[in-house]
Amino acid sequence: MALSVSTLHALTQDPDADAWRFIVNYAVEIARKPLAAGNAPSEVVKRDREIGELDLFLSSNGWDLWQTFGSSVERTSDRLVRWWAESFSAKAVLILDGLSLRELPWLLQGASVHGFTLHEISANASELPGETDEFARALGFTSRGKLQNNGGGLAHKLQPAQTESVDLPWKDCETLIGNAPNQIFWHHWPDAKLHDVAGSGQGLEPLTKDVAEQLSSDDFWAFIERLATGRRLVITSDHGYAATGYFPDADSEVGQFLKQTFGSSRGKTGTGTADPFVPPVALQISSTHGKHLLALGCRKWKNQGGYPTLTHGGLSLLEVLSPWVELSKTGVRM
């Protein structure tokens, strides 16, 4: 479905901050609609294509908006620091690595079924580039792994807190939640699953089926209940991901440039080779993490060994927007 005239007017005539607010809200409203396990794979692809209309605009007429993304859309790391300072007697953060807006319906539906109160549903910006290490450093951790076994230390920005970082079944995770009032739990799923299936055809379908199973399971929601008991809980992520298996192929010259520049990734550190195309197919981005050249929009290209069907690190909306779900258990005072 093409963008409406009113949408295009908002994107081209409003100030950048307002345009980005419109884009983020538009993407969230598409993504949050209820899902059923039976039609989830096809429905998720349909929603990807709807959000892809915004990506097409942002990689053609509106590509200059990306230069203000970092200043117009609050980063998840900054939002967490701001939220952590609010006056809750106890709080918890669950970071699901690589969780995108596609997974939002399962969280909302599961929260309703299991008696949670939802306080905020929104989306924030990943770091640029949208990678795990950059997010960890933005929160003051040297890496994701440092959170394991309460190893987060005293230098990070979410003090005080007990920390954990694992890739274990949800039932095992439940036993790792301590009695400390403040908890930060970083789970490696779905990113670990994403990379497992990224080379096997259309990786989005098996990932979507796994997401439906995991986020609808009793074990997951028992883990969430344990984490939320007596605490205000936020579920979020470090970055999303691109379903590159469904991206159209770049034409020959563009594809050759992207292959030479990025190989099988969607970004590289430094200034890189100047993009000779107008509109550009890659953008130079400067952030708190330095200078990076990032692939722009929804394109894939041929590369030796095959291009992954799921990946992250470039500039498309479902890569750089992270869901924010704030909830508590009904009847538990915060």
C-alpha atoms as a PDB file:
ATOM      1  CA  MET A   1       0.000   0.000   0.000  1.00  0.00           C
ATOM      2  CA  ALA A   2       1.460   3.367  -1.077  1.00  0.00           C
ATOM      3  CA  LEU A   3       1.758   6.164   1.484  1.00  0.00           C
ATOM      4  CA  SER A   4      -1.194   8.553   1.495  1.00  0.00           C
ATOM      5  CA  VAL A   5      -0.971  12.190   0.449  1.00  0.00           C
ATOM      6  CA  SER A   6      -1.479  13.314   4.053  1.00  0.00           C
ATOM      7  CA  THR A   7       1.345  11.033   5.220  1.00  0.00           C
ATOM      8  CA  LEU A   8       3.716  12.345   2.561  1.00  0.00           C
ATOM      9  CA  HIS A   9       2.776  15.886   3.522  1.00  0.00           C
ATOM     10  CA  ALA A  10       3.624  15.190   7.171  1.00  0.00           C
ATOM     11  CA  LEU A  11       6.946  13.633   6.221  1.00  0.00           C
ATOM     12  CA  THR A  12       8.030  16.395   3.871  1.00  0.00           C
ATOM     13  CA  GLN A  13       6.565  19.546   5.432  1.00  0.00           C
ATOM     14  CA  ASP A  14       6.800  18.997   9.198  1.00  0.00           C
ATOM     15  CA  PRO A  15       9.980  19.670  11.211  1.00  0.00           C
ATOM     16  CA  ASP A  16      12.307  16.662  11.367  1.00  0.00           C
ATOM     17  CA  ALA A  17      11.436  15.827  14.983  1.00  0.00           C
ATOM     18  CA  ASP A  18       7.717  15.814  14.138  1.00  0.00           C
ATOM     19  CA  ALA A  19       8.315  13.746  11.009  1.00  0.00           C
ATOM     20  CA  TRP A  20      10.229  11.153  13.024  1.00  0.00           C
ATOM     21  CA  ARG A  21       7.516  11.104  15.684  1.00  0.00           C
ATOM     22  CA  PHE A  22       4.982  10.397  12.942  1.00  0.00           C
ATOM     23  CA  ILE A  23       7.185   7.636  11.455  1.00  0.00           C
ATOM     24  CA  VAL A  24       7.755   5.883  14.780  1.00  0.00           C
ATOM     25  CA  ASN A  25       4.074   6.031  15.748  1.00  0.00           C
ATOM     26  CA  TYR A  26       3.038   4.815  12.284  1.00  0.00           C
ATOM     27  CA  ALA A  27       5.391   1.817  12.520  1.00  0.00           C
ATOM     28  CA  VAL A  28       4.238   0.951  16.056  1.00  0.00           C
ATOM     29  CA  GLU A  29       0.557   1.064  15.072  1.00  0.00           C
ATOM     30  CA  ILE A  30       1.182  -1.320  12.173  1.00  0.00           C
ATOM     31  CA  ALA A  31       3.301  -3.685  14.260  1.00  0.00           C
ATOM     32  CA  ARG A  32       1.189  -3.867  17.427  1.00  0.00           C
ATOM     33  CA  LYS A  33      -1.973  -5.335  15.896  1.00  0.00           C
ATOM     34  CA  PRO A  34      -2.890  -8.773  17.332  1.00  0.00           C
ATOM     35  CA  LEU A  35      -1.389 -11.890  15.788  1.00  0.00           C
ATOM     36  CA  ALA A  36      -2.433 -15.547  15.754  1.00  0.00           C
ATOM     37  CA  ALA A  37       0.080 -18.377  15.452  1.00  0.00           C
ATOM     38  CA  GLY A  38      -1.670 -19.792  12.376  1.00  0.00           C
ATOM     39  CA  ASN A  39      -1.292 -16.712  10.180  1.00  0.00           C
ATOM     40  CA  ALA A  40       1.711 -15.062  11.854  1.00  0.00           C
ATOM     41  CA  PRO A  41       4.340 -15.844   9.153  1.00  0.00           C
ATOM     42  CA  SER A  42       2.290 -14.338   6.306  1.00  0.00           C
ATOM     43  CA  GLU A  43       0.948 -11.461   8.415  1.00  0.00           C
ATOM     44  CA  VAL A  44       4.419 -10.451   9.603  1.00  0.00           C
ATOM     45  CA  VAL A  45       5.633 -10.327   5.987  1.00  0.00           C
ATOM     46  CA  LYS A  46       2.613  -8.169   5.102  1.00  0.00           C
ATOM     47  CA  ARG A  47       3.438  -5.761   7.922  1.00  0.00           C
ATOM     48  CA  ASP A  48       7.088  -5.664   6.896  1.00  0.00           C
ATOM     49  CA  ARG A  49       5.954  -4.505   3.465  1.00  0.00           C
ATOM     50  CA  GLU A  50       3.679  -1.836   4.948  1.00  0.00           C
ATOM     51  CA  ILE A  51       6.515  -0.443   7.066  1.00  0.00           C
ATOM     52  CA  GLY A  52       8.727  -0.872   4.012  1.00  0.00           C
ATOM     53  CA  GLU A  53       6.774   1.927   2.316  1.00  0.00           C
ATOM     54  CA  LEU A  54       8.224   4.266   4.934  1.00  0.00           C
ATOM     55  CA  ASP A  55      11.676   2.785   4.334  1.00  0.00           C
ATOM     56  CA  LEU A  56      11.273   3.425   0.612  1.00  0.00           C
ATOM     57  CA  PHE A  57      10.506   7.063   1.320  1.00  0.00           C
ATOM     58  CA  LEU A  58      13.452   7.307   3.729  1.00  0.00           C
ATOM     59  CA  SER A  59      15.848   5.867   1.162  1.00  0.00           C
ATOM     60  CA  SER A  60      14.622   7.991  -1.753  1.00  0.00           C
ATOM     61  CA  ASN A  61      12.990  11.393  -1.233  1.00  0.00           C
ATOM     62  CA  GLY A  62      13.529  11.561   2.529  1.00  0.00           C
ATOM     63  CA  TRP A  63      16.997  10.097   3.006  1.00  0.00           C
ATOM     64  CA  ASP A  64      18.286  13.310   4.625  1.00  0.00           C
ATOM     65  CA  LEU A  65      15.964  12.611   7.599  1.00  0.00           C
ATOM     66  CA  TRP A  66      18.369   9.877   8.698  1.00  0.00           C
ATOM     67  CA  GLN A  67      20.912  12.543   9.636  1.00  0.00           C
ATOM     68  CA  THR A  68      18.536  13.729  12.379  1.00  0.00           C
ATOM     69  CA  PHE A  69      17.351  10.300  13.531  1.00  0.00           C
ATOM     70  CA  GLY A  70      19.776  10.243  16.458  1.00  0.00           C
ATOM     71  CA  SER A  71      18.714  13.658  17.704  1.00  0.00           C
ATOM     72  CA  SER A  72      14.976  13.305  16.963  1.00  0.00           C
ATOM     73  CA  VAL A  73      14.196   9.815  18.326  1.00  0.00           C
ATOM     74  CA  GLU A  74      15.199   9.125  21.917  1.00  0.00           C
ATOM     75  CA  ARG A  75      17.651   6.262  22.177  1.00  0.00           C
ATOM     76  CA  THR A  76      16.604   3.248  24.233  1.00  0.00           C
ATOM     77  CA  SER A  77      19.749   3.663  26.335  1.00  0.00           C
ATOM     78  CA  ASP A  78      18.811   7.255  27.229  1.00  0.00           C
ATOM     79  CA  ARG A  79      15.182   6.291  27.854  1.00  0.00           C
ATOM     80  CA  LEU A  80      16.297   3.560  30.251  1.00  0.00           C
ATOM     81  CA  VAL A  81      18.508   5.949  32.215  1.00  0.00           C
ATOM     82  CA  ARG A  82      15.670   8.460  32.432  1.00  0.00           C
ATOM     83  CA  TRP A  83      13.168   5.758  33.462  1.00  0.00           C
ATOM     84  CA  TRP A  84      15.566   4.275  36.010  1.00  0.00           C
ATOM     85  CA  ALA A  85      15.606   7.630  37.841  1.00  0.00           C
ATOM     86  CA  GLU A  86      11.819   7.602  38.294  1.00  0.00           C
ATOM     87  CA  SER A  87      10.493   6.977  41.795  1.00  0.00           C
ATOM     88  CA  PHE A  88       9.636   3.272  41.718  1.00  0.00           C
ATOM     89  CA  SER A  89      10.576   1.407  44.883  1.00  0.00           C
ATOM     90  CA  ALA A  90      11.816  -1.519  42.797  1.00  0.00           C
ATOM     91  CA  LYS A  91      12.336  -1.933  39.077  1.00  0.00           C
ATOM     92  CA  ALA A  92      13.523  -4.416  36.472  1.00  0.00           C
ATOM     93  CA  VAL A  93      14.686  -4.278  32.857  1.00  0.00           C
ATOM     94  CA  LEU A  94      14.506  -7.268  30.523  1.00  0.00           C
ATOM     95  CA  ILE A  95      16.591  -6.793  27.382  1.00  0.00           C
ATOM     96  CA  LEU A  96      15.678  -9.363  24.741  1.00  0.00           C
ATOM     97  CA  ASP A  97      18.586  -9.196  22.331  1.00  0.00           C
ATOM     98  CA  GLY A  98      17.466  -8.349  18.794  1.00  0.00           C
ATOM     99  CA  LEU A  99      13.777  -8.006  19.672  1.00  0.00           C
ATOM    100  CA  SER A 100      12.019  -5.970  16.962  1.00  0.00           C
ATOM    101  CA  LEU A 101       8.593  -4.367  16.646  1.00  0.00           C
ATOM    102  CA  ARG A 102       7.447  -7.580  14.919  1.00  0.00           C
ATOM    103  CA  GLU A 103       7.380  -9.287  18.324  1.00  0.00           C
ATOM    104  CA  LEU A 104       5.309  -6.587  20.012  1.00  0.00           C
ATOM    105  CA  PRO A 105       1.869  -8.268  19.582  1.00  0.00           C
ATOM    106  CA  TRP A 106       2.950 -11.408  21.448  1.00  0.00           C
ATOM    107  CA  LEU A 107       4.088  -9.336  24.426  1.00  0.00           C
ATOM    108  CA  LEU A 108       0.862  -7.328  24.515  1.00  0.00           C
ATOM    109  CA  GLN A 109      -1.375 -10.369  24.113  1.00  0.00           C
ATOM    110  CA  GLY A 110       0.549 -12.395  26.669  1.00  0.00           C
ATOM    111  CA  ALA A 111       0.512  -9.559  29.188  1.00  0.00           C
ATOM    112  CA  SER A 112      -3.258  -9.311  28.889  1.00  0.00           C
ATOM    113  CA  VAL A 113      -3.822 -13.057  29.220  1.00  0.00           C
ATOM    114  CA  HIS A 114      -1.553 -13.324  32.270  1.00  0.00           C
ATOM    115  CA  GLY A 115      -3.024 -10.433  34.227  1.00  0.00           C
ATOM    116  CA  PHE A 116      -0.405  -7.717  33.782  1.00  0.00           C
ATOM    117  CA  THR A 117      -1.146  -4.009  33.663  1.00  0.00           C
ATOM    118  CA  LEU A 118       0.390  -2.236  30.661  1.00  0.00           C
ATOM    119  CA  HIS A 119       1.666   1.277  31.391  1.00  0.00           C
ATOM    120  CA  GLU A 120       3.433   2.276  28.166  1.00  0.00           C
ATOM    121  CA  ILE A 121       3.792   0.831  24.671  1.00  0.00           C
ATOM    122  CA  SER A 122       6.167   2.698  22.396  1.00  0.00           C
ATOM    123  CA  ALA A 123       9.435   2.454  20.478  1.00  0.00           C
ATOM    124  CA  ASN A 124      12.851   4.028  20.836  1.00  0.00           C
ATOM    125  CA  ALA A 125      16.009   4.252  18.774  1.00  0.00           C
ATOM    126  CA  SER A 126      18.841   1.780  18.777  1.00  0.00           C
ATOM    127  CA  GLU A 127      22.377   3.012  18.853  1.00  0.00           C
ATOM    128  CA  LEU A 128      23.906   3.695  15.446  1.00  0.00           C
ATOM    129  CA  PRO A 129      25.085   1.279  14.294  1.00  0.00           C
ATOM    130  CA  GLY A 130      22.405  -1.004  15.741  1.00  0.00           C
ATOM    131  CA  GLU A 131      24.725  -3.509  17.381  1.00  0.00           C
ATOM    132  CA  THR A 132      24.903  -5.217  20.772  1.00  0.00           C
ATOM    133  CA  ASP A 133      28.282  -3.865  21.891  1.00  0.00           C
ATOM    134  CA  GLU A 134      27.316  -0.267  21.139  1.00  0.00           C
ATOM    135  CA  PHE A 135      24.163  -0.603  23.251  1.00  0.00           C
ATOM    136  CA  ALA A 136      26.061  -2.190  26.138  1.00  0.00           C
ATOM    137  CA  ARG A 137      28.639   0.608  26.104  1.00  0.00           C
ATOM    138  CA  ALA A 138      25.902   3.268  25.961  1.00  0.00           C
ATOM    139  CA  LEU A 139      24.638   1.916  29.296  1.00  0.00           C
ATOM    140  CA  GLY A 140      28.141   1.881  30.763  1.00  0.00           C
ATOM    141  CA  PHE A 141      28.806  -1.860  30.414  1.00  0.00           C
ATOM    142  CA  THR A 142      31.965  -2.963  28.611  1.00  0.00           C
ATOM    143  CA  SER A 143      29.995  -5.792  26.944  1.00  0.00           C
ATOM    144  CA  ARG A 144      26.805  -7.836  27.255  1.00  0.00           C
ATOM    145  CA  GLY A 145      28.721 -10.713  28.800  1.00  0.00           C
ATOM    146  CA  LYS A 146      29.849  -8.593  31.740  1.00  0.00           C
ATOM    147  CA  LEU A 147      26.308  -8.676  33.178  1.00  0.00           C
ATOM    148  CA  GLN A 148      26.483 -12.429  33.750  1.00  0.00           C
ATOM    149  CA  ASN A 149      26.352 -13.671  37.343  1.00  0.00           C
ATOM    150  CA  ASN A 150      25.861 -10.161  38.746  1.00  0.00           C
ATOM    151  CA  GLY A 151      29.055  -8.937  37.110  1.00  0.00           C
ATOM    152  CA  GLY A 152      27.682  -5.596  35.930  1.00  0.00           C
ATOM    153  CA  GLY A 153      29.848  -3.691  38.385  1.00  0.00           C
ATOM    154  CA  LEU A 154      29.494  -0.194  39.777  1.00  0.00           C
ATOM    155  CA  ALA A 155      30.317   1.904  36.716  1.00  0.00           C
ATOM    156  CA  HIS A 156      27.171   1.420  34.632  1.00  0.00           C
ATOM    157  CA  LYS A 157      24.301   3.909  34.463  1.00  0.00           C
ATOM    158  CA  LEU A 158      21.511   1.816  36.032  1.00  0.00           C
ATOM    159  CA  GLN A 159      22.643   1.745  39.663  1.00  0.00           C
ATOM    160  CA  PRO A 160      22.099  -0.104  41.887  1.00  0.00           C
ATOM    161  CA  ALA A 161      21.082  -3.364  40.213  1.00  0.00           C
ATOM    162  CA  GLN A 162      21.651  -7.091  40.176  1.00  0.00           C
ATOM    163  CA  THR A 163      22.616  -8.128  36.627  1.00  0.00           C
ATOM    164  CA  GLU A 164      22.430 -11.280  34.540  1.00  0.00           C
ATOM    165  CA  SER A 165      23.122 -12.218  30.902  1.00  0.00           C
ATOM    166  CA  VAL A 166      22.394 -15.727  29.614  1.00  0.00           C
ATOM    167  CA  ASP A 167      21.000 -17.797  26.766  1.00  0.00           C
ATOM    168  CA  LEU A 168      19.089 -20.376  28.800  1.00  0.00           C
ATOM    169  CA  PRO A 169      15.524 -21.754  28.733  1.00  0.00           C
ATOM    170  CA  TRP A 170      13.025 -19.458  30.431  1.00  0.00           C
ATOM    171  CA  LYS A 171      12.427 -21.929  33.244  1.00  0.00           C
ATOM    172  CA  ASP A 172      16.116 -21.833  34.146  1.00  0.00           C
ATOM    173  CA  CYS A 173      16.138 -18.041  33.892  1.00  0.00           C
ATOM    174  CA  GLU A 174      13.414 -17.812  36.515  1.00  0.00           C
ATOM    175  CA  THR A 175      15.719 -19.343  39.121  1.00  0.00           C
ATOM    176  CA  LEU A 176      18.437 -16.755  38.396  1.00  0.00           C
ATOM    177  CA  ILE A 177      16.357 -13.777  39.537  1.00  0.00           C
ATOM    178  CA  GLY A 178      17.577 -12.741  42.954  1.00  0.00           C
ATOM    179  CA  ASN A 179      15.900 -10.886  45.788  1.00  0.00           C
ATOM    180  CA  ALA A 180      17.561  -7.532  45.102  1.00  0.00           C
ATOM    181  CA  PRO A 181      14.884  -4.898  44.410  1.00  0.00           C
ATOM    182  CA  ASN A 182      16.429  -3.777  41.103  1.00  0.00           C
ATOM    183  CA  GLN A 183      17.174  -6.263  38.324  1.00  0.00           C
ATOM    184  CA  ILE A 184      18.724  -6.050  34.841  1.00  0.00           C
ATOM    185  CA  PHE A 185      18.353  -9.257  32.834  1.00  0.00           C
ATOM    186  CA  TRP A 186      19.803  -9.471  29.305  1.00  0.00           C
ATOM    187  CA  HIS A 187      18.691 -12.583  27.406  1.00  0.00           C
ATOM    188  CA  HIS A 188      20.396 -13.520  24.117  1.00  0.00           C
ATOM    189  CA  TRP A 189      17.158 -14.596  22.426  1.00  0.00           C
ATOM    190  CA  PRO A 190      15.857 -13.893  19.776  1.00  0.00           C
ATOM    191  CA  ASP A 191      19.183 -12.711  18.322  1.00  0.00           C
ATOM    192  CA  ALA A 192      20.798 -16.122  18.849  1.00  0.00           C
ATOM    193  CA  LYS A 193      17.918 -17.832  17.020  1.00  0.00           C
ATOM    194  CA  LEU A 194      17.961 -15.135  14.327  1.00  0.00           C
ATOM    195  CA  HIS A 195      21.564 -15.893  13.410  1.00  0.00           C
ATOM    196  CA  ASP A 196      20.912 -19.656  13.532  1.00  0.00           C
ATOM    197  CA  VAL A 197      18.216 -19.460  10.839  1.00  0.00           C
ATOM    198  CA  ALA A 198      19.567 -16.510   8.819  1.00  0.00           C
ATOM    199  CA  GLY A 199      21.258 -18.723   6.247  1.00  0.00           C
ATOM    200  CA  SER A 200      18.408 -21.169   5.687  1.00  0.00           C
ATOM    201  CA  GLY A 201      16.174 -19.729   2.969  1.00  0.00           C
ATOM    202  CA  GLN A 202      13.534 -17.259   4.109  1.00  0.00           C
ATOM    203  CA  GLY A 203      14.734 -17.033   7.701  1.00  0.00           C
ATOM    204  CA  LEU A 204      11.850 -14.834   8.815  1.00  0.00           C
ATOM    205  CA  GLU A 205       9.324 -17.690   8.717  1.00  0.00           C
ATOM    206  CA  PRO A 206      11.094 -20.090  11.122  1.00  0.00           C
ATOM    207  CA  LEU A 207      11.997 -17.171  13.378  1.00  0.00           C
ATOM    208  CA  THR A 208       8.368 -15.982  13.458  1.00  0.00           C
ATOM    209  CA  LYS A 209       7.195 -19.477  14.391  1.00  0.00           C
ATOM    210  CA  ASP A 210       9.789 -19.680  17.165  1.00  0.00           C
ATOM    211  CA  VAL A 211       8.778 -16.241  18.445  1.00  0.00           C
ATOM    212  CA  ALA A 212       5.114 -17.277  18.588  1.00  0.00           C
ATOM    213  CA  GLU A 213       6.033 -20.396  20.540  1.00  0.00           C
ATOM    214  CA  GLN A 214       8.453 -18.709  22.943  1.00  0.00           C
ATOM    215  CA  LEU A 215       6.429 -15.596  23.755  1.00  0.00           C
ATOM    216  CA  SER A 216       3.206 -17.564  24.208  1.00  0.00           C
ATOM    217  CA  SER A 217       4.728 -20.182  26.493  1.00  0.00           C
ATOM    218  CA  ASP A 218       3.841 -20.596  30.143  1.00  0.00           C
ATOM    219  CA  ASP A 219       7.549 -20.764  30.997  1.00  0.00           C
ATOM    220  CA  PHE A 220       8.207 -17.332  29.485  1.00  0.00           C
ATOM    221  CA  TRP A 221       5.335 -15.704  31.346  1.00  0.00           C
ATOM    222  CA  ALA A 222       6.271 -17.415  34.612  1.00  0.00           C
ATOM    223  CA  PHE A 223       9.719 -15.866  34.150  1.00  0.00           C
ATOM    224  CA  ILE A 224       8.145 -12.464  33.462  1.00  0.00           C
ATOM    225  CA  GLU A 225       5.929 -12.783  36.534  1.00  0.00           C
ATOM    226  CA  ARG A 226       8.927 -13.618  38.725  1.00  0.00           C
ATOM    227  CA  LEU A 227      10.806 -10.616  37.315  1.00  0.00           C
ATOM    228  CA  ALA A 228       7.814  -8.273  37.725  1.00  0.00           C
ATOM    229  CA  THR A 229       6.771  -9.396  41.208  1.00  0.00           C
ATOM    230  CA  GLY A 230       7.054  -6.297  43.380  1.00  0.00           C
ATOM    231  CA  ARG A 231       8.743  -4.403  40.541  1.00  0.00           C
ATOM    232  CA  ARG A 232       7.857  -2.138  37.632  1.00  0.00           C
ATOM    233  CA  LEU A 233       9.206  -3.943  34.548  1.00  0.00           C
ATOM    234  CA  VAL A 234      10.354  -2.712  31.144  1.00  0.00           C
ATOM    235  CA  ILE A 235      10.864  -5.155  28.266  1.00  0.00           C
ATOM    236  CA  THR A 236      12.986  -3.730  25.456  1.00  0.00           C
ATOM    237  CA  SER A 237      15.934  -4.564  23.168  1.00  0.00           C
ATOM    238  CA  ASP A 238      19.305  -3.354  21.993  1.00  0.00           C
ATOM    239  CA  HIS A 239      18.297  -3.303  18.298  1.00  0.00           C
ATOM    240  CA  GLY A 240      15.881  -4.893  15.848  1.00  0.00           C
ATOM    241  CA  TYR A 241      16.642  -6.744  12.619  1.00  0.00           C
ATOM    242  CA  ALA A 242      16.073  -6.586   8.878  1.00  0.00           C
ATOM    243  CA  ALA A 243      14.331  -9.431   7.032  1.00  0.00           C
ATOM    244  CA  THR A 244      16.806  -9.124   4.165  1.00  0.00           C
ATOM    245  CA  GLY A 245      15.601 -12.361   2.581  1.00  0.00           C
ATOM    246  CA  TYR A 246      12.521 -10.418   1.444  1.00  0.00           C
ATOM    247  CA  PHE A 247      14.419  -7.345   0.253  1.00  0.00           C
ATOM    248  CA  PRO A 248      14.554  -6.751  -3.501  1.00  0.00           C
ATOM    249  CA  ASP A 249      17.882  -7.307  -5.251  1.00  0.00           C
ATOM    250  CA  ALA A 250      19.946  -4.206  -5.869  1.00  0.00           C
ATOM    251  CA  ASP A 251      20.586  -3.535  -9.553  1.00  0.00           C
ATOM    252  CA  SER A 252      23.977  -4.431 -11.018  1.00  0.00           C
ATOM    253  CA  GLU A 253      25.969  -1.248 -10.329  1.00  0.00           C
ATOM    254  CA  VAL A 254      24.405  -0.637  -6.932  1.00  0.00           C
ATOM    255  CA  GLY A 255      24.784  -4.284  -6.004  1.00  0.00           C
ATOM    256  CA  GLN A 256      28.453  -4.280  -6.960  1.00  0.00           C
ATOM    257  CA  PHE A 257      29.087  -1.166  -4.874  1.00  0.00           C
ATOM    258  CA  LEU A 258      27.292  -2.604  -1.848  1.00  0.00           C
ATOM    259  CA  LYS A 259      29.099  -5.929  -2.182  1.00  0.00           C
ATOM    260  CA  GLN A 260      32.491  -4.254  -2.367  1.00  0.00           C
ATOM    261  CA  THR A 261      31.666  -1.910   0.498  1.00  0.00           C
ATOM    262  CA  PHE A 262      29.863  -4.183   2.965  1.00  0.00           C
ATOM    263  CA  GLY A 263      30.313  -7.817   1.926  1.00  0.00           C
ATOM    264  CA  SER A 264      27.659  -9.744   3.897  1.00  0.00           C
ATOM    265  CA  SER A 265      27.129  -7.044   6.514  1.00  0.00           C
ATOM    266  CA  ARG A 266      25.137  -3.785   6.547  1.00  0.00           C
ATOM    267  CA  GLY A 267      27.705  -1.440   7.999  1.00  0.00           C
ATOM    268  CA  LYS A 268      31.394  -0.737   8.410  1.00  0.00           C
ATOM    269  CA  THR A 269      33.485   1.367  10.749  1.00  0.00           C
ATOM    270  CA  GLY A 270      35.069   4.570   9.438  1.00  0.00           C
ATOM    271  CA  THR A 271      34.337   6.856   6.534  1.00  0.00           C
ATOM    272  CA  GLY A 272      34.384   4.194   3.820  1.00  0.00           C
ATOM    273  CA  THR A 273      34.118   4.722   0.076  1.00  0.00           C
ATOM    274  CA  ALA A 274      32.012   7.693  -1.062  1.00  0.00           C
ATOM    275  CA  ASP A 275      28.584   6.669  -2.303  1.00  0.00           C
ATOM    276  CA  PRO A 276      28.366   7.693  -5.995  1.00  0.00           C
ATOM    277  CA  PHE A 277      24.589   7.281  -6.266  1.00  0.00           C
ATOM    278  CA  VAL A 278      21.750   9.787  -5.960  1.00  0.00           C
ATOM    279  CA  PRO A 279      19.705   9.069  -3.934  1.00  0.00           C
ATOM    280  CA  PRO A 280      22.435   7.359  -1.913  1.00  0.00           C
ATOM    281  CA  VAL A 281      22.437   3.655  -1.064  1.00  0.00           C
ATOM    282  CA  ALA A 282      24.710   4.126   1.968  1.00  0.00           C
ATOM    283  CA  LEU A 283      25.027   6.959   4.466  1.00  0.00           C
ATOM    284  CA  GLN A 284      27.889   8.246   6.558  1.00  0.00           C
ATOM    285  CA  ILE A 285      26.655   8.467  10.156  1.00  0.00           C
ATOM    286  CA  SER A 286      28.488  10.069  13.060  1.00  0.00           C
ATOM    287  CA  SER A 287      27.361   9.118  16.557  1.00  0.00           C
ATOM    288  CA  THR A 288      28.768   8.741  20.046  1.00  0.00           C
ATOM    289  CA  HIS A 289      30.233   5.477  18.730  1.00  0.00           C
ATOM    290  CA  GLY A 290      32.277   7.204  16.025  1.00  0.00           C
ATOM    291  CA  LYS A 291      31.896   7.330  12.260  1.00  0.00           C
ATOM    292  CA  HIS A 292      30.249   4.491  10.382  1.00  0.00           C
ATOM    293  CA  LEU A 293      29.089   3.874   6.832  1.00  0.00           C
ATOM    294  CA  LEU A 294      25.694   2.147   6.905  1.00  0.00           C
ATOM    295  CA  ALA A 295      23.638   0.522   4.158  1.00  0.00           C
ATOM    296  CA  LEU A 296      20.502   2.565   3.509  1.00  0.00           C
ATOM    297  CA  GLY A 297      17.037   1.119   2.973  1.00  0.00           C
ATOM    298  CA  CYS A 298      15.780  -2.299   1.930  1.00  0.00           C
ATOM    299  CA  ARG A 299      18.133  -3.894  -0.586  1.00  0.00           C
ATOM    300  CA  LYS A 300      20.081  -7.114  -0.722  1.00  0.00           C
ATOM    301  CA  TRP A 301      22.963  -8.043  -2.970  1.00  0.00           C
ATOM    302  CA  LYS A 302      24.796 -11.155  -4.058  1.00  0.00           C
ATOM    303  CA  ASN A 303      27.889 -12.024  -2.099  1.00  0.00           C
ATOM    304  CA  GLN A 304      30.219 -14.985  -1.925  1.00  0.00           C
ATOM    305  CA  GLY A 305      28.796 -17.511   0.513  1.00  0.00           C
ATOM    306  CA  GLY A 306      25.320 -16.004   0.251  1.00  0.00           C
ATOM    307  CA  TYR A 307      23.740 -12.960   1.852  1.00  0.00           C
ATOM    308  CA  PRO A 308      22.004 -13.587   5.202  1.00  0.00           C
ATOM    309  CA  THR A 309      18.197 -13.570   5.223  1.00  0.00           C
ATOM    310  CA  LEU A 310      18.124 -11.849   8.641  1.00  0.00           C
ATOM    311  CA  THR A 311      20.643  -9.308   9.877  1.00  0.00           C
ATOM    312  CA  HIS A 312      21.091  -5.905  11.488  1.00  0.00           C
ATOM    313  CA  GLY A 313      23.419  -2.923  11.533  1.00  0.00           C
ATOM    314  CA  GLY A 314      22.034  -0.858   8.654  1.00  0.00           C
ATOM    315  CA  LEU A 315      19.435   1.863   8.217  1.00  0.00           C
ATOM    316  CA  SER A 316      15.911   0.471   7.984  1.00  0.00           C
ATOM    317  CA  LEU A 317      13.148   1.057  10.493  1.00  0.00           C
ATOM    318  CA  LEU A 318      12.789  -2.476  11.813  1.00  0.00           C
ATOM    319  CA  GLU A 319      16.544  -2.588  12.418  1.00  0.00           C
ATOM    320  CA  VAL A 320      16.805   0.644  14.374  1.00  0.00           C
ATOM    321  CA  LEU A 321      13.546   0.756  16.363  1.00  0.00           C
ATOM    322  CA  SER A 322      13.255  -1.178  19.619  1.00  0.00           C
ATOM    323  CA  PRO A 323       9.933  -1.871  21.345  1.00  0.00           C
ATOM    324  CA  TRP A 324       9.313  -0.476  24.823  1.00  0.00           C
ATOM    325  CA  VAL A 325       6.754  -2.328  26.932  1.00  0.00           C
ATOM    326  CA  GLU A 326       6.337  -1.138  30.512  1.00  0.00           C
ATOM    327  CA  LEU A 327       4.190  -3.300  32.763  1.00  0.00           C
ATOM    328  CA  SER A 328       3.464  -4.477  36.278  1.00  0.00           C
ATOM    329  CA  LYS A 329       1.526  -7.325  37.792  1.00  0.00           C
ATOM    330  CA  THR A 330      -2.073  -6.398  38.527  1.00  0.00           C
ATOM    331  CA  GLY A 331      -2.611  -5.867  42.229  1.00  0.00           C
ATOM    332  CA  VAL A 332       1.091  -5.344  43.047  1.00  0.00           C
ATOM    333  CA  ARG A 333       1.828  -1.812  44.257  1.00  0.00           C
ATOM    334  CA  MET A 334       4.940  -0.105  42.916  1.00  0.00           C
END
